[in-house]
């Protein structure tokens, strides 16, 4: 992991809005006395959202004071977790996945598009709208290559479709998250390839004459079939099995 440092330019103060302050206090109350520090992650996240996507140093001190933590402890948390940004980001914060599945599917071309339209990682465009960074796996490998913009995923990207998304965001035009090649969620691009035989879905009439060999065998009953109350749906009423011992013969004692 690369070294993460606080931004050189910092605001003088930070204070939660009244609404966010009340929210933070509710988070603290979720934890028992002496364990209030467990609320540090959600409160830091709310501070970052209030600041438009980054954590200034005064916000770290504010959160530390709220939770009774040493400043260095909160600094350690903020610099360890890469979900916390330590410098200002654009209004549309782009996170491009560069892990192996996305790389194999063209993530380098997506990063090149970011460099061409935004600049180097961490650079914010002069209008304040766009910035980007490369991140590790975002968990949408089947839709590689992909990127996260603010809270939405944009998948199955090409340099052309990704450039269009960035230009639309910058121009204030609506964009549609999700796959950009027309497929539905993570379904095969060419449509279904398995379980497509209509015979698989043909409704079979239940065999009323079938009896179970064992307690767990046989097809499940329908609502019209008799079954013991409280028993599994495939347990039919049937005669008790005969004893394996011959009539009148006593079992051998060992």
Protein backbone atom coordinates (compact mmCIF):
# COMPACT_ATOMS: atom_id res chain seq x y z
CA UNK A 1 0.00 0.00 0.00
CA UNK A 2 1.32 3.43 -0.89
CA UNK A 3 1.85 6.06 1.78
CA UNK A 4 -1.28 8.13 2.40
CA UNK A 5 -0.88 11.62 3.79
CA UNK A 6 -3.21 14.47 4.65
CA UNK A 7 -3.59 17.19 2.05
CA UNK A 8 -1.27 20.16 2.37
CA UNK A 9 -4.11 22.71 2.25
CA UNK A 10 -6.65 22.32 5.04
CA UNK A 11 -9.70 24.29 6.23
CA UNK A 12 -9.31 25.93 9.62
CA UNK A 13 -12.34 24.32 11.24
CA UNK A 14 -14.90 21.58 10.76
CA UNK A 15 -18.29 21.20 12.40
CA UNK A 16 -21.09 18.74 11.73
CA UNK A 17 -24.39 20.15 10.57
CA UNK A 18 -27.11 19.85 13.25
CA UNK A 19 -28.69 16.96 11.34
CA UNK A 20 -25.40 15.08 10.98
CA UNK A 21 -24.50 15.75 14.61
CA UNK A 22 -27.75 14.17 15.79
CA UNK A 23 -27.14 11.24 13.45
CA UNK A 24 -23.64 10.76 14.86
CA UNK A 25 -24.94 10.77 18.43
CA UNK A 26 -27.43 8.04 17.51
CA UNK A 27 -24.59 5.93 16.14
CA UNK A 28 -22.63 6.31 19.37
CA UNK A 29 -25.64 5.15 21.42
CA UNK A 30 -25.63 1.85 19.55
CA UNK A 31 -22.54 0.76 21.48
CA UNK A 32 -22.18 -0.03 25.20
CA UNK A 33 -20.47 2.31 27.62
CA UNK A 34 -16.73 2.23 27.10
CA UNK A 35 -17.08 1.00 23.53
CA UNK A 36 -18.26 4.21 21.88
CA UNK A 37 -15.12 4.30 19.76
CA UNK A 38 -16.65 1.52 17.66
CA UNK A 39 -18.71 4.22 15.93
CA UNK A 40 -15.61 5.82 14.41
CA UNK A 41 -16.00 4.36 10.89
CA UNK A 42 -19.61 5.43 10.21
CA UNK A 43 -19.02 8.87 11.73
CA UNK A 44 -15.89 9.41 9.63
CA UNK A 45 -17.88 8.35 6.58
CA UNK A 46 -20.62 10.87 7.36
CA UNK A 47 -18.00 13.59 7.82
CA UNK A 48 -16.54 12.72 4.43
CA UNK A 49 -19.96 12.91 2.78
CA UNK A 50 -20.62 16.30 4.40
CA UNK A 51 -17.32 17.57 2.97
CA UNK A 52 -18.21 16.47 -0.54
CA UNK A 53 -16.12 13.32 -0.63
CA UNK A 54 -12.98 13.94 1.46
CA UNK A 55 -11.79 14.13 5.07
CA UNK A 56 -9.96 17.28 6.19
CA UNK A 57 -7.72 17.17 9.24
CA UNK A 58 -10.08 19.26 11.42
CA UNK A 59 -12.79 16.65 10.81
CA UNK A 60 -10.50 13.93 12.17
CA UNK A 61 -9.92 15.93 15.34
CA UNK A 62 -13.65 16.59 15.70
CA UNK A 63 -14.49 12.90 15.45
CA UNK A 64 -11.68 12.00 17.88
CA UNK A 65 -13.00 14.48 20.44
CA UNK A 66 -16.54 13.11 20.10
CA UNK A 67 -15.36 9.57 20.80
CA UNK A 68 -12.68 10.31 23.38
CA UNK A 69 -9.90 9.02 21.16
CA UNK A 70 -6.37 10.27 20.73
CA UNK A 71 -5.95 12.17 17.47
CA UNK A 72 -3.31 9.72 16.25
CA UNK A 73 -5.76 6.81 16.54
CA UNK A 74 -8.24 8.48 14.18
CA UNK A 75 -5.41 9.51 11.84
CA UNK A 76 -4.33 5.87 11.69
CA UNK A 77 -7.83 4.77 10.71
CA UNK A 78 -8.31 7.46 8.07
CA UNK A 79 -4.94 6.79 6.46
CA UNK A 80 -5.37 3.00 6.53
CA UNK A 81 -8.78 2.66 4.85
CA UNK A 82 -8.65 3.72 1.22
CA UNK A 83 -12.39 4.45 1.23
CA UNK A 84 -11.45 7.67 3.03
CA UNK A 85 -10.10 10.40 0.75
CA UNK A 86 -7.54 12.69 2.34
CA UNK A 87 -7.67 15.38 -0.34
CA UNK A 88 -10.54 17.04 -2.22
CA UNK A 89 -12.19 15.05 -5.01
CA UNK A 90 -14.46 16.03 -7.87
CA UNK A 91 -18.21 16.22 -7.63
CA UNK A 92 -18.14 13.00 -9.65
CA UNK A 93 -15.51 10.80 -8.08
CA UNK A 94 -14.45 8.02 -10.47
CA UNK A 95 -12.89 4.82 -9.14
CA UNK A 96 -11.56 2.60 -11.92
CA UNK A 97 -10.96 -1.05 -11.08
CA UNK A 98 -7.52 -2.19 -12.22
CA UNK A 99 -7.46 -5.70 -10.75
CA UNK A 100 -6.77 -8.73 -12.96
CA UNK A 101 -10.27 -9.46 -14.40
CA UNK A 102 -10.82 -5.82 -15.37
CA UNK A 103 -7.24 -5.49 -16.61
CA UNK A 104 -7.67 -8.51 -18.87
CA UNK A 105 -10.87 -6.99 -20.24
CA UNK A 106 -9.43 -3.56 -21.03
CA UNK A 107 -9.04 -1.53 -17.84
CA UNK A 108 -5.87 0.06 -19.23
CA UNK A 109 -7.93 1.69 -21.97
CA UNK A 110 -10.43 2.95 -19.38
CA UNK A 111 -7.59 4.51 -17.35
CA UNK A 112 -6.21 6.08 -20.52
CA UNK A 113 -9.63 7.66 -21.10
CA UNK A 114 -9.53 9.11 -17.59
CA UNK A 115 -6.08 10.60 -18.21
CA UNK A 116 -7.26 12.11 -21.47
CA UNK A 117 -10.51 13.63 -20.16
CA UNK A 118 -9.68 14.28 -16.49
CA UNK A 119 -5.93 14.19 -15.91
CA UNK A 120 -3.66 12.16 -13.68
CA UNK A 121 -5.07 10.25 -10.66
CA UNK A 122 -5.99 12.63 -7.85
CA UNK A 123 -6.28 15.63 -10.18
CA UNK A 124 -9.55 17.54 -9.99
CA UNK A 125 -10.72 19.25 -13.16
CA UNK A 126 -10.74 23.09 -12.96
CA UNK A 127 -14.55 23.12 -12.84
CA UNK A 128 -14.45 20.81 -9.82
CA UNK A 129 -16.63 18.19 -11.49
CA UNK A 130 -14.34 15.22 -12.11
CA UNK A 131 -11.48 13.36 -10.46
CA UNK A 132 -10.43 9.74 -10.55
CA UNK A 133 -8.24 7.07 -9.01
CA UNK A 134 -7.43 3.43 -9.59
CA UNK A 135 -8.72 0.97 -6.99
CA UNK A 136 -8.58 -2.73 -6.26
CA UNK A 137 -11.42 -5.14 -6.99
CA UNK A 138 -14.91 -3.67 -6.62
CA UNK A 139 -16.61 -7.08 -6.86
CA UNK A 140 -18.17 -6.82 -10.32
CA UNK A 141 -15.63 -9.00 -12.14
CA UNK A 142 -18.23 -10.64 -14.38
CA UNK A 143 -19.01 -7.17 -15.80
CA UNK A 144 -15.39 -6.17 -16.39
CA UNK A 145 -14.11 -3.63 -17.11
CA UNK A 146 -16.02 -1.41 -14.74
CA UNK A 147 -15.81 1.75 -12.66
CA UNK A 148 -17.65 3.23 -9.72
CA UNK A 149 -18.76 6.85 -9.97
CA UNK A 150 -19.91 8.17 -6.60
CA UNK A 151 -22.24 5.38 -5.42
CA UNK A 152 -23.11 3.80 -8.78
CA UNK A 153 -21.43 1.07 -10.83
CA UNK A 154 -20.87 1.46 -14.58
CA UNK A 155 -20.02 -1.89 -16.14
CA UNK A 156 -19.08 -3.57 -19.42
CA UNK A 157 -17.25 -0.41 -20.40
CA UNK A 158 -15.44 0.46 -23.58
CA UNK A 159 -13.32 3.60 -24.04
CA UNK A 160 -16.13 5.02 -26.19
CA UNK A 161 -18.98 4.31 -23.75
CA UNK A 162 -16.92 5.50 -20.79
CA UNK A 163 -15.95 8.73 -22.54
CA UNK A 164 -19.62 9.35 -23.28
CA UNK A 165 -20.51 8.87 -19.60
CA UNK A 166 -17.85 11.33 -18.45
CA UNK A 167 -18.88 13.92 -21.03
CA UNK A 168 -22.55 13.55 -20.11
CA UNK A 169 -21.78 14.00 -16.41
CA UNK A 170 -19.75 17.09 -17.14
CA UNK A 171 -22.53 18.53 -19.30
CA UNK A 172 -25.21 17.77 -16.70
CA UNK A 173 -26.96 15.18 -18.85
CA UNK A 174 -28.51 12.10 -17.21
CA UNK A 175 -26.54 8.86 -17.30
CA UNK A 176 -27.70 5.29 -16.71
CA UNK A 177 -25.67 3.13 -14.31
CA UNK A 178 -25.14 -0.59 -14.81
CA UNK A 179 -24.01 -2.54 -17.90
CA UNK A 180 -23.30 -0.32 -20.87
CA UNK A 181 -23.53 -3.01 -23.56
CA UNK A 182 -27.25 -3.75 -23.29
CA UNK A 183 -27.12 -6.94 -21.29
CA UNK A 184 -29.27 -7.47 -18.22
CA UNK A 185 -27.26 -7.28 -14.99
CA UNK A 186 -24.73 -10.17 -15.15
CA UNK A 187 -26.57 -12.37 -17.65
CA UNK A 188 -24.65 -13.75 -20.66
CA UNK A 189 -24.15 -11.13 -23.35
CA UNK A 190 -25.71 -13.38 -26.01
CA UNK A 191 -28.70 -14.35 -23.89
CA UNK A 192 -29.32 -17.48 -21.79
CA UNK A 193 -27.23 -20.54 -22.59
CA UNK A 194 -28.36 -23.02 -19.94
CA UNK A 195 -31.71 -24.30 -18.64
CA UNK A 196 -33.43 -23.24 -21.87
CA UNK A 197 -35.13 -26.56 -22.78
CA UNK A 198 -38.94 -26.01 -22.46
CA UNK A 199 -39.30 -29.59 -21.25
CA UNK A 200 -37.59 -28.60 -18.02
CA UNK A 201 -40.55 -26.43 -17.13
CA UNK A 202 -43.38 -28.79 -18.19
CA UNK A 203 -45.75 -29.40 -15.28
CA UNK A 204 -46.00 -33.08 -14.39
CA UNK A 205 -49.13 -34.58 -12.86
CA UNK A 206 -48.45 -36.15 -9.45
CA UNK A 207 -48.51 -39.95 -9.29
CA UNK A 208 -51.21 -40.77 -6.75
CA UNK A 209 -50.19 -44.46 -6.64
CA UNK A 210 -46.56 -43.84 -5.74
CA UNK A 211 -45.51 -44.95 -2.26
CA UNK A 212 -42.39 -44.02 -0.47
CA UNK A 213 -39.58 -46.48 0.03
CA UNK A 214 -38.10 -44.45 2.86
CA UNK A 215 -39.16 -41.54 4.98
CA UNK A 216 -37.31 -38.99 2.88
CA UNK A 217 -37.93 -40.31 -0.64
CA UNK A 218 -40.44 -39.53 -3.36
CA UNK A 219 -41.82 -36.37 -4.87
CA UNK A 220 -43.23 -33.61 -2.73
CA UNK A 221 -46.99 -33.63 -2.27
CA UNK A 222 -49.28 -31.00 -3.70
CA UNK A 223 -51.79 -29.08 -1.61
CA UNK A 224 -54.47 -31.62 -2.57
CA UNK A 225 -52.52 -34.65 -1.31
CA UNK A 226 -53.05 -35.99 2.18
CA UNK A 227 -50.20 -35.68 4.63
CA UNK A 228 -49.76 -35.78 8.35
CA UNK A 229 -50.04 -32.34 10.01
CA UNK A 230 -46.62 -31.05 10.89
CA UNK A 231 -44.80 -33.60 8.74
CA UNK A 232 -42.64 -32.79 5.75
CA UNK A 233 -44.54 -32.26 2.51
CA UNK A 234 -43.33 -35.54 1.02
CA UNK A 235 -44.42 -37.81 3.89
CA UNK A 236 -47.59 -39.74 3.03
CA UNK A 237 -49.70 -41.73 5.43
CA UNK A 238 -48.85 -45.41 4.96
CA UNK A 239 -48.92 -48.68 6.84
CA UNK A 240 -46.31 -49.30 9.51
CA UNK A 241 -43.49 -51.58 8.30
CA UNK A 242 -43.46 -55.20 9.42
CA UNK A 243 -40.98 -56.39 12.01
CA UNK A 244 -37.88 -58.00 10.46
CA UNK A 245 -38.12 -60.80 13.06
CA UNK A 246 -39.90 -64.03 12.18
CA UNK A 247 -43.16 -64.69 13.92
CA UNK A 248 -42.63 -66.16 17.36
CA UNK A 249 -38.84 -65.97 17.18
CA UNK A 250 -37.03 -64.15 19.94
CA UNK A 251 -34.06 -61.90 19.14
CA UNK A 252 -30.61 -63.38 19.80
CA UNK A 253 -28.84 -61.95 22.78
CA UNK A 254 -25.19 -60.99 22.31
